[in-house]
């Protein structure tokens, strides 16, 4: 394959089964795919410039997220971060996220990229198993 067209890339990006998104230095969403919309329940209109800080369920999570965003724009990558999140309807969820810097041709970080998977069901199952083990 010699290359992929912009249309081909958009199709690939939008059809990935995991939530993918790009954000600016302030943590505002700039690009996202359909899986991101599905995970959080936001409409495309609600997502534009939506702050990643608003998804955090607790203030200490927002602070941790601020620190992570700052570190990404300093060039660091993070893998398997677990975040306690809030969906558009206010319901809680847990996500596992990889996030890393996207650089331009000069090496300057121009965007943070995130890839998130919903791990809510796994977390609930694990908690239920622990509770069942304690009762027996």
N, C-alpha and C. Protein backbone atom coordinates (compact mmCIF):
# COMPACT_ATOMS: atom_id res chain seq x y z
N UNK A 1 0.84 -1.17 0.00
CA UNK A 1 0.00 0.00 0.00
C UNK A 1 0.89 1.23 0.00
N UNK A 2 0.70 2.10 -0.97
CA UNK A 2 1.54 3.28 -1.11
C UNK A 2 1.24 4.37 -0.10
N UNK A 3 0.07 4.41 0.40
CA UNK A 3 -0.33 5.45 1.34
C UNK A 3 -1.82 5.38 1.55
N UNK A 4 -2.28 6.21 2.43
CA UNK A 4 -3.71 6.23 2.71
C UNK A 4 -4.21 7.65 2.52
N UNK A 5 -5.36 7.76 1.91
CA UNK A 5 -5.94 9.08 1.70
C UNK A 5 -6.50 9.60 3.01
N UNK A 6 -6.76 10.89 3.05
CA UNK A 6 -7.36 11.47 4.25
C UNK A 6 -8.71 10.80 4.53
N UNK A 7 -9.46 10.56 3.47
CA UNK A 7 -10.77 9.90 3.63
C UNK A 7 -10.60 8.49 4.20
N UNK A 8 -9.58 7.78 3.72
CA UNK A 8 -9.30 6.43 4.22
C UNK A 8 -8.90 6.46 5.68
N UNK A 9 -8.07 7.45 6.04
CA UNK A 9 -7.66 7.58 7.44
C UNK A 9 -8.86 7.88 8.33
N UNK A 10 -9.71 8.82 7.89
CA UNK A 10 -10.90 9.16 8.70
C UNK A 10 -11.80 7.94 8.89
N UNK A 11 -11.95 7.14 7.85
CA UNK A 11 -12.77 5.93 7.95
C UNK A 11 -12.16 4.96 8.95
N UNK A 12 -10.86 4.75 8.86
CA UNK A 12 -10.16 3.88 9.81
C UNK A 12 -10.32 4.40 11.23
N UNK A 13 -10.02 5.65 11.45
CA UNK A 13 -10.09 6.28 12.76
C UNK A 13 -11.49 6.17 13.35
N UNK A 14 -12.51 6.49 12.55
CA UNK A 14 -13.88 6.48 13.05
C UNK A 14 -14.42 5.09 13.33
N UNK A 15 -13.84 4.07 12.72
CA UNK A 15 -14.35 2.71 12.90
C UNK A 15 -13.52 1.88 13.87
N UNK A 16 -12.52 2.47 14.51
CA UNK A 16 -11.77 1.74 15.53
C UNK A 16 -12.72 1.43 16.69
N UNK A 17 -12.57 0.25 17.30
CA UNK A 17 -13.49 -0.14 18.37
C UNK A 17 -13.17 0.46 19.74
N UNK A 18 -12.15 1.28 19.83
CA UNK A 18 -11.78 1.93 21.08
C UNK A 18 -11.90 3.44 20.91
N UNK A 19 -12.14 4.12 22.01
CA UNK A 19 -12.28 5.58 21.99
C UNK A 19 -10.92 6.22 21.75
N UNK A 20 -10.82 6.97 20.67
CA UNK A 20 -9.58 7.68 20.32
C UNK A 20 -9.90 9.17 20.28
N UNK A 21 -8.95 9.97 20.78
CA UNK A 21 -9.18 11.40 20.83
C UNK A 21 -7.86 12.15 20.86
N UNK A 22 -7.91 13.40 20.44
CA UNK A 22 -6.76 14.29 20.51
C UNK A 22 -7.16 15.52 21.30
N UNK A 23 -6.22 16.05 22.08
CA UNK A 23 -6.53 17.18 22.95
C UNK A 23 -5.41 18.20 22.94
N UNK A 24 -5.77 19.44 23.28
CA UNK A 24 -4.79 20.53 23.31
C UNK A 24 -4.16 20.64 24.70
N UNK A 25 -3.31 21.65 24.89
CA UNK A 25 -2.58 21.84 26.16
C UNK A 25 -3.47 22.04 27.37
N UNK A 26 -4.68 22.51 27.13
CA UNK A 26 -5.61 22.72 28.25
C UNK A 26 -6.52 21.51 28.46
N UNK A 27 -6.29 20.45 27.69
CA UNK A 27 -7.09 19.24 27.84
C UNK A 27 -8.43 19.30 27.14
N UNK A 28 -8.57 20.20 26.17
CA UNK A 28 -9.82 20.31 25.41
C UNK A 28 -9.77 19.38 24.20
N UNK A 29 -10.83 18.62 24.01
CA UNK A 29 -10.92 17.67 22.91
C UNK A 29 -10.93 18.43 21.58
N UNK A 30 -10.06 17.99 20.66
CA UNK A 30 -9.97 18.60 19.33
C UNK A 30 -10.42 17.65 18.23
N UNK A 31 -10.12 16.35 18.40
CA UNK A 31 -10.57 15.32 17.46
C UNK A 31 -11.00 14.10 18.27
N UNK A 32 -11.91 13.31 17.72
CA UNK A 32 -12.40 12.12 18.40
C UNK A 32 -13.04 11.21 17.37
N UNK A 33 -13.29 9.97 17.78
CA UNK A 33 -13.97 9.03 16.89
C UNK A 33 -15.33 8.64 17.46
N UNK A 34 -16.05 7.82 16.70
CA UNK A 34 -17.40 7.41 17.12
C UNK A 34 -17.38 6.64 18.43
N UNK A 35 -16.35 5.83 18.63
CA UNK A 35 -16.27 5.04 19.87
C UNK A 35 -16.16 5.97 21.09
N UNK A 36 -15.55 7.14 20.93
CA UNK A 36 -15.50 8.12 22.03
C UNK A 36 -16.92 8.61 22.33
N UNK A 37 -17.66 8.93 21.29
CA UNK A 37 -19.05 9.37 21.48
C UNK A 37 -19.86 8.28 22.17
N UNK A 38 -19.68 7.04 21.73
CA UNK A 38 -20.42 5.91 22.31
C UNK A 38 -20.05 5.69 23.78
N UNK A 39 -18.77 5.76 24.09
CA UNK A 39 -18.31 5.52 25.46
C UNK A 39 -18.89 6.54 26.43
N UNK A 40 -18.84 7.80 26.06
CA UNK A 40 -19.25 8.86 26.98
C UNK A 40 -20.68 9.34 26.79
N UNK A 41 -21.29 9.05 25.65
CA UNK A 41 -22.66 9.46 25.43
C UNK A 41 -22.83 10.92 25.06
N UNK A 42 -21.75 11.57 24.67
CA UNK A 42 -21.84 12.96 24.24
C UNK A 42 -22.15 13.01 22.75
N UNK A 43 -22.89 14.04 22.34
CA UNK A 43 -23.09 14.27 20.91
C UNK A 43 -21.84 14.97 20.38
N UNK A 44 -21.66 14.94 19.09
CA UNK A 44 -20.51 15.61 18.47
C UNK A 44 -20.48 17.09 18.88
N UNK A 45 -21.64 17.72 18.92
CA UNK A 45 -21.71 19.14 19.30
C UNK A 45 -21.22 19.37 20.73
N UNK A 46 -21.52 18.44 21.62
CA UNK A 46 -21.10 18.58 23.02
C UNK A 46 -19.61 18.33 23.21
N UNK A 47 -19.01 17.58 22.30
CA UNK A 47 -17.61 17.20 22.46
C UNK A 47 -16.66 18.32 22.04
N UNK A 48 -17.00 19.09 21.04
CA UNK A 48 -16.09 20.13 20.54
C UNK A 48 -15.61 21.00 21.69
N UNK A 49 -14.31 21.03 21.89
CA UNK A 49 -13.66 21.79 22.97
C UNK A 49 -14.06 21.36 24.38
N UNK A 50 -14.67 20.18 24.49
CA UNK A 50 -15.01 19.61 25.80
C UNK A 50 -13.71 19.36 26.57
N UNK A 51 -13.69 19.68 27.83
CA UNK A 51 -12.49 19.49 28.63
C UNK A 51 -12.43 18.08 29.21
N UNK A 52 -11.27 17.44 29.08
CA UNK A 52 -11.07 16.14 29.70
C UNK A 52 -11.20 16.23 31.21
N UNK A 53 -10.98 17.39 31.77
CA UNK A 53 -11.08 17.57 33.21
C UNK A 53 -12.52 17.40 33.68
N UNK A 54 -13.49 17.72 32.83
CA UNK A 54 -14.90 17.60 33.20
C UNK A 54 -15.34 16.14 33.31
N UNK A 55 -14.65 15.23 32.64
CA UNK A 55 -15.01 13.81 32.72
C UNK A 55 -14.60 13.19 34.04
N UNK A 56 -13.62 13.79 34.72
CA UNK A 56 -13.11 13.22 35.97
C UNK A 56 -14.19 13.28 37.05
N UNK A 57 -14.32 12.22 37.83
CA UNK A 57 -15.37 12.14 38.85
C UNK A 57 -15.01 12.87 40.13
N UNK A 58 -13.73 12.97 40.46
CA UNK A 58 -13.31 13.55 41.74
C UNK A 58 -12.23 14.60 41.52
N UNK A 59 -12.13 15.55 42.45
CA UNK A 59 -11.15 16.63 42.30
C UNK A 59 -9.71 16.11 42.24
N UNK A 60 -9.38 15.08 43.02
CA UNK A 60 -8.01 14.56 42.96
C UNK A 60 -7.73 13.93 41.59
N UNK A 61 -8.78 13.39 40.95
CA UNK A 61 -8.61 12.85 39.60
C UNK A 61 -8.36 13.99 38.60
N UNK A 62 -9.05 15.11 38.79
CA UNK A 62 -8.83 16.26 37.90
C UNK A 62 -7.40 16.76 38.02
N UNK A 63 -6.88 16.82 39.25
CA UNK A 63 -5.50 17.26 39.45
C UNK A 63 -4.53 16.28 38.80
N UNK A 64 -4.75 15.01 38.98
CA UNK A 64 -3.89 13.99 38.36
C UNK A 64 -3.94 14.11 36.83
N UNK A 65 -5.12 14.39 36.32
CA UNK A 65 -5.28 14.55 34.88
C UNK A 65 -4.54 15.79 34.39
N UNK A 66 -4.62 16.91 35.12
CA UNK A 66 -3.87 18.13 34.76
C UNK A 66 -2.38 17.82 34.66
N UNK A 67 -1.88 17.11 35.66
CA UNK A 67 -0.46 16.75 35.69
C UNK A 67 -0.09 15.85 34.51
N UNK A 68 -0.97 14.93 34.16
CA UNK A 68 -0.71 14.03 33.03
C UNK A 68 -0.69 14.81 31.73
N UNK A 69 -1.65 15.70 31.52
CA UNK A 69 -1.69 16.52 30.30
C UNK A 69 -0.42 17.35 30.18
N UNK A 70 -0.01 17.97 31.27
CA UNK A 70 1.21 18.78 31.26
C UNK A 70 2.42 17.90 30.88
N UNK A 71 2.49 16.71 31.45
CA UNK A 71 3.61 15.80 31.17
C UNK A 71 3.60 15.34 29.72
N UNK A 72 2.42 15.09 29.16
CA UNK A 72 2.33 14.69 27.75
C UNK A 72 2.87 15.80 26.86
N UNK A 73 2.53 17.05 27.17
CA UNK A 73 3.02 18.16 26.37
C UNK A 73 4.49 18.47 26.64
N UNK A 74 5.05 17.81 27.64
CA UNK A 74 6.50 17.87 27.87
C UNK A 74 7.21 16.70 27.21
N UNK A 75 6.43 15.82 26.55
CA UNK A 75 7.02 14.73 25.80
C UNK A 75 6.87 13.34 26.38
N UNK A 76 6.19 13.19 27.51
CA UNK A 76 6.04 11.88 28.13
C UNK A 76 4.84 11.12 27.59
N UNK A 77 4.93 9.81 27.65
CA UNK A 77 3.84 8.91 27.28
C UNK A 77 3.42 8.12 28.50
N UNK A 78 2.14 7.75 28.56
CA UNK A 78 1.61 6.97 29.67
C UNK A 78 0.78 5.82 29.12
N UNK A 79 0.89 4.68 29.77
CA UNK A 79 0.18 3.48 29.32
C UNK A 79 -0.59 2.86 30.48
N UNK A 80 -1.76 2.36 30.19
CA UNK A 80 -2.62 1.66 31.15
C UNK A 80 -2.99 2.50 32.36
N UNK A 81 -3.22 3.79 32.14
CA UNK A 81 -3.73 4.64 33.22
C UNK A 81 -5.19 4.27 33.45
N UNK A 82 -5.60 4.18 34.69
CA UNK A 82 -7.02 3.95 34.98
C UNK A 82 -7.62 5.23 35.50
N UNK A 83 -8.72 5.62 34.88
CA UNK A 83 -9.41 6.85 35.26
C UNK A 83 -10.83 6.52 35.70
N UNK A 84 -11.28 7.19 36.74
CA UNK A 84 -12.69 7.14 37.15
C UNK A 84 -13.36 8.29 36.42
N UNK A 85 -14.31 7.97 35.57
CA UNK A 85 -14.91 8.95 34.68
C UNK A 85 -16.40 9.13 34.96
N UNK A 86 -16.95 10.09 34.24
CA UNK A 86 -18.39 10.36 34.29
C UNK A 86 -18.88 10.48 32.85
N UNK A 87 -19.95 9.77 32.54
CA UNK A 87 -20.55 9.86 31.20
C UNK A 87 -21.43 11.12 31.12
N UNK A 88 -21.92 11.41 29.94
CA UNK A 88 -22.76 12.59 29.72
C UNK A 88 -23.99 12.58 30.62
N UNK A 89 -24.54 11.40 30.89
CA UNK A 89 -25.73 11.30 31.74
C UNK A 89 -25.40 11.32 33.23
N UNK A 90 -24.11 11.46 33.56
CA UNK A 90 -23.68 11.51 34.95
C UNK A 90 -23.30 10.16 35.54
N UNK A 91 -23.57 9.09 34.83
CA UNK A 91 -23.25 7.76 35.36
C UNK A 91 -21.75 7.53 35.37
N UNK A 92 -21.27 6.80 36.38
CA UNK A 92 -19.83 6.55 36.49
C UNK A 92 -19.35 5.45 35.55
N UNK A 93 -18.10 5.54 35.18
CA UNK A 93 -17.46 4.47 34.41
C UNK A 93 -15.96 4.50 34.71
N UNK A 94 -15.30 3.43 34.37
CA UNK A 94 -13.86 3.32 34.52
C UNK A 94 -13.28 3.10 33.13
N UNK A 95 -12.20 3.80 32.82
CA UNK A 95 -11.52 3.60 31.55
C UNK A 95 -10.04 3.34 31.78
N UNK A 96 -9.47 2.59 30.88
CA UNK A 96 -8.03 2.40 30.85
C UNK A 96 -7.53 3.16 29.63
N UNK A 97 -6.57 4.04 29.84
CA UNK A 97 -6.15 4.96 28.79
C UNK A 97 -4.64 4.92 28.56
N UNK A 98 -4.28 4.97 27.30
CA UNK A 98 -2.90 5.23 26.88
C UNK A 98 -2.92 6.64 26.31
N UNK A 99 -1.94 7.43 26.65
CA UNK A 99 -1.88 8.79 26.12
C UNK A 99 -0.43 9.17 25.85
N UNK A 100 -0.24 9.87 24.76
CA UNK A 100 1.12 10.20 24.33
C UNK A 100 1.13 11.46 23.49
N UNK A 101 2.31 12.07 23.32
CA UNK A 101 2.39 13.30 22.52
C UNK A 101 2.40 13.02 21.02
N UNK A 102 1.75 13.87 20.27
CA UNK A 102 1.83 13.86 18.80
C UNK A 102 2.71 15.04 18.44
N UNK A 103 3.76 14.77 17.67
CA UNK A 103 4.74 15.81 17.33
C UNK A 103 4.64 16.20 15.86
N UNK A 104 5.00 17.45 15.58
CA UNK A 104 5.07 17.90 14.19
C UNK A 104 6.42 17.49 13.61
N UNK A 105 6.70 17.85 12.37
CA UNK A 105 7.94 17.43 11.72
C UNK A 105 9.19 17.99 12.39
N UNK A 106 9.05 19.05 13.17
CA UNK A 106 10.19 19.63 13.90
C UNK A 106 10.37 19.01 15.28
N UNK A 107 9.44 18.14 15.67
CA UNK A 107 9.52 17.50 16.97
C UNK A 107 8.76 18.20 18.07
N UNK A 108 8.08 19.30 17.75
CA UNK A 108 7.29 20.03 18.74
C UNK A 108 5.98 19.27 19.00
N UNK A 109 5.62 19.15 20.28
CA UNK A 109 4.36 18.49 20.63
C UNK A 109 3.21 19.42 20.24
N UNK A 110 2.33 18.93 19.38
CA UNK A 110 1.22 19.75 18.89
C UNK A 110 -0.13 19.29 19.43
N UNK A 111 -0.17 18.07 19.95
CA UNK A 111 -1.43 17.54 20.44
C UNK A 111 -1.14 16.33 21.33
N UNK A 112 -2.00 16.12 22.29
CA UNK A 112 -1.96 14.87 23.05
C UNK A 112 -2.94 13.91 22.42
N UNK A 113 -2.57 12.66 22.34
CA UNK A 113 -3.43 11.63 21.78
C UNK A 113 -3.80 10.66 22.89
N UNK A 114 -5.06 10.27 22.94
CA UNK A 114 -5.51 9.30 23.92
C UNK A 114 -6.27 8.17 23.28
N UNK A 115 -6.12 7.01 23.84
CA UNK A 115 -6.87 5.82 23.41
C UNK A 115 -7.42 5.19 24.69
N UNK A 116 -8.74 5.10 24.78
CA UNK A 116 -9.37 4.61 26.01
C UNK A 116 -10.29 3.43 25.74
N UNK A 117 -10.28 2.51 26.71
CA UNK A 117 -11.20 1.36 26.67
C UNK A 117 -12.03 1.39 27.95
N UNK A 118 -13.31 1.11 27.80
CA UNK A 118 -14.20 1.03 28.95
C UNK A 118 -13.91 -0.27 29.70
N UNK A 119 -13.52 -0.17 30.96
CA UNK A 119 -13.24 -1.35 31.78
C UNK A 119 -14.20 -1.43 32.97
N UNK A 120 -15.34 -0.74 32.86
CA UNK A 120 -16.32 -0.70 33.94
C UNK A 120 -16.80 -2.10 34.30
N UNK A 121 -17.18 -2.89 33.32
CA UNK A 121 -17.70 -4.24 33.60
C UNK A 121 -16.64 -5.10 34.28
N UNK A 122 -15.39 -5.00 33.83
CA UNK A 122 -14.32 -5.78 34.44
C UNK A 122 -14.11 -5.36 35.90
N UNK A 123 -14.13 -4.05 36.16
CA UNK A 123 -13.94 -3.56 37.53
C UNK A 123 -15.08 -4.04 38.43
N UNK A 124 -16.30 -4.01 37.93
CA UNK A 124 -17.45 -4.45 38.74
C UNK A 124 -17.37 -5.95 39.00
N UNK A 125 -16.99 -6.72 37.99
CA UNK A 125 -16.86 -8.17 38.16
C UNK A 125 -15.79 -8.50 39.19
N UNK A 126 -14.67 -7.82 39.11
CA UNK A 126 -13.58 -8.04 40.05
C UNK A 126 -14.02 -7.72 41.48
N UNK A 127 -14.75 -6.61 41.62
CA UNK A 127 -15.25 -6.21 42.94
C UNK A 127 -16.23 -7.26 43.47
N UNK A 128 -17.13 -7.74 42.61
CA UNK A 128 -18.11 -8.75 43.03
C UNK A 128 -17.42 -10.05 43.44
N UNK A 129 -16.38 -10.45 42.73
CA UNK A 129 -15.64 -11.65 43.08
C UNK A 129 -14.96 -11.51 44.44
N UNK A 130 -14.38 -10.33 44.69
CA UNK A 130 -13.74 -10.09 45.99
C UNK A 130 -14.77 -10.15 47.12
N UNK A 131 -15.93 -9.56 46.89
CA UNK A 131 -16.97 -9.57 47.91
C UNK A 131 -17.46 -10.99 48.16
N UNK A 132 -17.62 -11.76 47.10
CA UNK A 132 -18.06 -13.15 47.24
C UNK A 132 -17.01 -13.98 47.99
N UNK A 133 -15.76 -13.74 47.74
CA UNK A 133 -14.69 -14.46 48.41
C UNK A 133 -14.67 -14.13 49.90
N UNK A 134 -14.94 -12.88 50.25
CA UNK A 134 -14.97 -12.48 51.66
C UNK A 134 -16.13 -13.13 52.41
N UNK A 135 -17.25 -13.34 51.73
CA UNK A 135 -18.44 -13.93 52.37
C UNK A 135 -18.29 -15.44 52.57
N UNK A 136 -17.44 -16.08 51.78
CA UNK A 136 -17.32 -17.54 51.91
C UNK A 136 -16.22 -17.96 52.84
